[in-house]
């Protein structure tokens, strides 16, 4: 399944990232196309798409490009290097745990912000209902004006 190669447009559609953003991530070294076509087009695999999705999920949580690079390095090494010694593996796992904790903290902050935003929208809705003439009274007034 990972052998299938996609051009950047398909990857952009699948990840909901712009072509410009994907190219930026390439320029910063966060994701490198797995290959190039004979015409020089970037070719990506499912692994590349998964990597872009990690980046996409980290961005709204406020992670920096350097933090993204660090986490991707740790997960790449955990996934790819079976010869890691116990201490090195544990150090990498600890890095990933740190990012997991930071992500959980950011998610909680976003939940608080969302709850405040929903409360604000509800308050505005209640204010509109309280101060707007009722639909029934408005409709009756219009109906009585149209009577002869």
C-alpha atoms as a PDB file:
ATOM      1  CA  UNK A   1       0.000   0.000   0.000  1.00  0.00           C
ATOM      2  CA  UNK A   2       2.887   2.381   0.778  1.00  0.00           C
ATOM      3  CA  UNK A   3       4.317   1.817  -2.716  1.00  0.00           C
ATOM      4  CA  UNK A   4       1.584   3.925  -4.332  1.00  0.00           C
ATOM      5  CA  UNK A   5       2.919   7.346  -5.206  1.00  0.00           C
ATOM      6  CA  UNK A   6       0.855  10.513  -5.339  1.00  0.00           C
ATOM      7  CA  UNK A   7       1.532  13.931  -6.732  1.00  0.00           C
ATOM      8  CA  UNK A   8       1.391  16.958  -4.467  1.00  0.00           C
ATOM      9  CA  UNK A   9      -2.124  17.950  -5.577  1.00  0.00           C
ATOM     10  CA  UNK A  10      -3.604  14.664  -4.385  1.00  0.00           C
ATOM     11  CA  UNK A  11      -1.653  14.909  -1.144  1.00  0.00           C
ATOM     12  CA  UNK A  12      -2.931  18.454  -0.630  1.00  0.00           C
ATOM     13  CA  UNK A  13      -6.513  17.297  -1.145  1.00  0.00           C
ATOM     14  CA  UNK A  14      -6.109  14.361   1.231  1.00  0.00           C
ATOM     15  CA  UNK A  15      -4.406  16.358   3.987  1.00  0.00           C
ATOM     16  CA  UNK A  16      -6.385  19.574   3.471  1.00  0.00           C
ATOM     17  CA  UNK A  17      -3.090  21.458   3.334  1.00  0.00           C
ATOM     18  CA  UNK A  18      -2.279  23.952   0.611  1.00  0.00           C
ATOM     19  CA  UNK A  19       0.410  23.229  -1.974  1.00  0.00           C
ATOM     20  CA  UNK A  20       2.320  26.172  -0.547  1.00  0.00           C
ATOM     21  CA  UNK A  21       2.184  24.740   2.975  1.00  0.00           C
ATOM     22  CA  UNK A  22       3.380  21.325   1.821  1.00  0.00           C
ATOM     23  CA  UNK A  23       6.249  22.966  -0.077  1.00  0.00           C
ATOM     24  CA  UNK A  24       7.096  24.994   3.040  1.00  0.00           C
ATOM     25  CA  UNK A  25       7.251  21.838   5.134  1.00  0.00           C
ATOM     26  CA  UNK A  26       9.532  20.368   2.496  1.00  0.00           C
ATOM     27  CA  UNK A  27      11.787  23.450   2.573  1.00  0.00           C
ATOM     28  CA  UNK A  28      12.048  23.219   6.369  1.00  0.00           C
ATOM     29  CA  UNK A  29      12.864  19.501   6.209  1.00  0.00           C
ATOM     30  CA  UNK A  30       9.731  18.279   7.981  1.00  0.00           C
ATOM     31  CA  UNK A  31       8.647  16.141   5.053  1.00  0.00           C
ATOM     32  CA  UNK A  32      10.604  15.104   2.020  1.00  0.00           C
ATOM     33  CA  UNK A  33       8.860  13.637  -1.031  1.00  0.00           C
ATOM     34  CA  UNK A  34       9.754   9.978  -1.372  1.00  0.00           C
ATOM     35  CA  UNK A  35      10.574  10.405  -5.043  1.00  0.00           C
ATOM     36  CA  UNK A  36      10.392  12.636  -8.072  1.00  0.00           C
ATOM     37  CA  UNK A  37       8.776  11.779 -11.362  1.00  0.00           C
ATOM     38  CA  UNK A  38      10.782  11.884 -14.575  1.00  0.00           C
ATOM     39  CA  UNK A  39       9.274  15.321 -15.105  1.00  0.00           C
ATOM     40  CA  UNK A  40      10.481  16.471 -11.689  1.00  0.00           C
ATOM     41  CA  UNK A  41       7.118  16.360  -9.912  1.00  0.00           C
ATOM     42  CA  UNK A  42       7.132  15.546  -6.212  1.00  0.00           C
ATOM     43  CA  UNK A  43       5.856  12.058  -5.448  1.00  0.00           C
ATOM     44  CA  UNK A  44       4.577  11.133  -2.012  1.00  0.00           C
ATOM     45  CA  UNK A  45       3.664   7.842  -0.353  1.00  0.00           C
ATOM     46  CA  UNK A  46       1.164   6.951   2.359  1.00  0.00           C
ATOM     47  CA  UNK A  47       3.999   7.323   4.868  1.00  0.00           C
ATOM     48  CA  UNK A  48       4.571  10.888   3.682  1.00  0.00           C
ATOM     49  CA  UNK A  49       0.838  11.625   3.978  1.00  0.00           C
ATOM     50  CA  UNK A  50       0.817  10.218   7.535  1.00  0.00           C
ATOM     51  CA  UNK A  51       3.779  12.453   8.385  1.00  0.00           C
ATOM     52  CA  UNK A  52       1.968  15.507   7.019  1.00  0.00           C
ATOM     53  CA  UNK A  53      -1.091  14.599   9.087  1.00  0.00           C
ATOM     54  CA  UNK A  54       1.033  14.552  12.250  1.00  0.00           C
ATOM     55  CA  UNK A  55       2.295  18.030  11.372  1.00  0.00           C
ATOM     56  CA  UNK A  56      -1.222  19.211  10.555  1.00  0.00           C
ATOM     57  CA  UNK A  57      -2.497  17.995  13.929  1.00  0.00           C
ATOM     58  CA  UNK A  58       0.366  19.589  15.848  1.00  0.00           C
ATOM     59  CA  UNK A  59       0.021  23.041  14.292  1.00  0.00           C
ATOM     60  CA  UNK A  60      -3.281  24.121  15.910  1.00  0.00           C
ATOM     61  CA  UNK A  61      -1.918  23.000  19.261  1.00  0.00           C
ATOM     62  CA  UNK A  62       0.822  25.617  18.996  1.00  0.00           C
ATOM     63  CA  UNK A  63       3.817  23.355  18.428  1.00  0.00           C
ATOM     64  CA  UNK A  64       6.764  25.006  16.724  1.00  0.00           C
ATOM     65  CA  UNK A  65       8.444  23.672  13.600  1.00  0.00           C
ATOM     66  CA  UNK A  66      11.393  22.627  15.743  1.00  0.00           C
ATOM     67  CA  UNK A  67       9.115  20.697  18.108  1.00  0.00           C
ATOM     68  CA  UNK A  68       7.450  19.035  15.127  1.00  0.00           C
ATOM     69  CA  UNK A  69      10.872  18.081  13.771  1.00  0.00           C
ATOM     70  CA  UNK A  70      11.910  16.702  17.172  1.00  0.00           C
ATOM     71  CA  UNK A  71       8.779  14.584  17.584  1.00  0.00           C
ATOM     72  CA  UNK A  72       8.990  13.265  14.020  1.00  0.00           C
ATOM     73  CA  UNK A  73      12.649  12.374  14.577  1.00  0.00           C
ATOM     74  CA  UNK A  74      11.777  10.472  17.750  1.00  0.00           C
ATOM     75  CA  UNK A  75       8.906   8.568  16.149  1.00  0.00           C
ATOM     76  CA  UNK A  76      10.951   7.839  13.006  1.00  0.00           C
ATOM     77  CA  UNK A  77      13.726   6.380  15.114  1.00  0.00           C
ATOM     78  CA  UNK A  78      11.320   4.355  17.249  1.00  0.00           C
ATOM     79  CA  UNK A  79       9.571   2.990  14.173  1.00  0.00           C
ATOM     80  CA  UNK A  80      12.632   2.387  12.055  1.00  0.00           C
ATOM     81  CA  UNK A  81      15.579   1.437  14.216  1.00  0.00           C
ATOM     82  CA  UNK A  82      15.044  -1.974  15.768  1.00  0.00           C
ATOM     83  CA  UNK A  83      18.646  -1.976  17.035  1.00  0.00           C
ATOM     84  CA  UNK A  84      18.036   0.742  19.648  1.00  0.00           C
ATOM     85  CA  UNK A  85      19.407  -0.135  23.049  1.00  0.00           C
ATOM     86  CA  UNK A  86      17.065   0.000  26.031  1.00  0.00           C
ATOM     87  CA  UNK A  87      18.225   3.390  27.317  1.00  0.00           C
ATOM     88  CA  UNK A  88      18.004   5.025  23.911  1.00  0.00           C
ATOM     89  CA  UNK A  89      14.530   3.567  23.316  1.00  0.00           C
ATOM     90  CA  UNK A  90      13.376   4.782  26.723  1.00  0.00           C
ATOM     91  CA  UNK A  91      14.762   8.277  26.060  1.00  0.00           C
ATOM     92  CA  UNK A  92      12.850   8.433  22.780  1.00  0.00           C
ATOM     93  CA  UNK A  93       9.686   7.178  24.448  1.00  0.00           C
ATOM     94  CA  UNK A  94      10.084   9.836  27.122  1.00  0.00           C
ATOM     95  CA  UNK A  95      10.306  12.526  24.422  1.00  0.00           C
ATOM     96  CA  UNK A  96       7.083  11.229  22.861  1.00  0.00           C
ATOM     97  CA  UNK A  97       5.417  11.140  26.297  1.00  0.00           C
ATOM     98  CA  UNK A  98       6.401  14.779  26.796  1.00  0.00           C
ATOM     99  CA  UNK A  99       4.719  15.753  23.527  1.00  0.00           C
ATOM    100  CA  UNK A 100       1.663  13.724  24.440  1.00  0.00           C
ATOM    101  CA  UNK A 101       1.407  15.586  27.745  1.00  0.00           C
ATOM    102  CA  UNK A 102       1.888  18.960  26.042  1.00  0.00           C
ATOM    103  CA  UNK A 103      -0.788  18.062  23.477  1.00  0.00           C
ATOM    104  CA  UNK A 104      -3.229  17.028  26.219  1.00  0.00           C
ATOM    105  CA  UNK A 105      -2.645  20.321  28.036  1.00  0.00           C
ATOM    106  CA  UNK A 106      -3.244  22.307  24.841  1.00  0.00           C
ATOM    107  CA  UNK A 107      -6.408  20.325  24.093  1.00  0.00           C
ATOM    108  CA  UNK A 108      -7.729  21.189  27.555  1.00  0.00           C
ATOM    109  CA  UNK A 109      -6.977  24.885  26.990  1.00  0.00           C
ATOM    110  CA  UNK A 110      -8.822  24.711  23.669  1.00  0.00           C
ATOM    111  CA  UNK A 111     -11.806  23.059  25.378  1.00  0.00           C
ATOM    112  CA  UNK A 112     -11.975  25.949  27.836  1.00  0.00           C
ATOM    113  CA  UNK A 113     -11.753  28.465  24.986  1.00  0.00           C
ATOM    114  CA  UNK A 114     -14.458  26.616  23.049  1.00  0.00           C
ATOM    115  CA  UNK A 115     -16.754  26.541  26.081  1.00  0.00           C
ATOM    116  CA  UNK A 116     -16.275  30.296  26.511  1.00  0.00           C
ATOM    117  CA  UNK A 117     -16.976  30.901  22.831  1.00  0.00           C
ATOM    118  CA  UNK A 118     -20.138  28.768  22.957  1.00  0.00           C
ATOM    119  CA  UNK A 119     -21.270  30.625  26.082  1.00  0.00           C
ATOM    120  CA  UNK A 120     -20.686  33.933  24.310  1.00  0.00           C
ATOM    121  CA  UNK A 121     -22.696  32.812  21.254  1.00  0.00           C
ATOM    122  CA  UNK A 122     -25.515  31.607  23.547  1.00  0.00           C
ATOM    123  CA  UNK A 123     -25.483  34.948  25.382  1.00  0.00           C
ATOM    124  CA  UNK A 124     -25.809  36.817  22.093  1.00  0.00           C
ATOM    125  CA  UNK A 125     -28.642  34.523  21.028  1.00  0.00           C
ATOM    126  CA  UNK A 126     -30.474  35.111  24.304  1.00  0.00           C
ATOM    127  CA  UNK A 127     -30.011  38.877  23.950  1.00  0.00           C
ATOM    128  CA  UNK A 128     -31.457  38.774  20.440  1.00  0.00           C
ATOM    129  CA  UNK A 129     -34.453  36.737  21.593  1.00  0.00           C
ATOM    130  CA  UNK A 130     -35.007  39.087  24.522  1.00  0.00           C
ATOM    131  CA  UNK A 131     -34.855  42.293  22.504  1.00  0.00           C
ATOM    132  CA  UNK A 132     -36.306  41.285  19.147  1.00  0.00           C
ATOM    133  CA  UNK A 133     -40.038  41.553  18.646  1.00  0.00           C
ATOM    134  CA  UNK A 134     -41.640  38.171  18.662  1.00  0.00           C
ATOM    135  CA  UNK A 135     -42.333  36.665  15.278  1.00  0.00           C
ATOM    136  CA  UNK A 136     -46.002  36.198  16.119  1.00  0.00           C
ATOM    137  CA  UNK A 137     -46.536  39.848  17.091  1.00  0.00           C
ATOM    138  CA  UNK A 138     -44.678  41.010  14.045  1.00  0.00           C
ATOM    139  CA  UNK A 139     -46.698  38.718  11.760  1.00  0.00           C
ATOM    140  CA  UNK A 140     -49.998  39.845  13.338  1.00  0.00           C
ATOM    141  CA  UNK A 141     -49.087  43.483  12.879  1.00  0.00           C
ATOM    142  CA  UNK A 142     -48.305  42.922   9.231  1.00  0.00           C
ATOM    143  CA  UNK A 143     -51.511  40.961   8.751  1.00  0.00           C
ATOM    144  CA  UNK A 144     -53.651  43.668  10.376  1.00  0.00           C
ATOM    145  CA  UNK A 145     -52.128  46.355   8.161  1.00  0.00           C
ATOM    146  CA  UNK A 146     -53.132  44.388   5.092  1.00  0.00           C
ATOM    147  CA  UNK A 147     -56.817  44.166   6.138  1.00  0.00           C
ATOM    148  CA  UNK A 148     -59.191  46.609   4.431  1.00  0.00           C
END
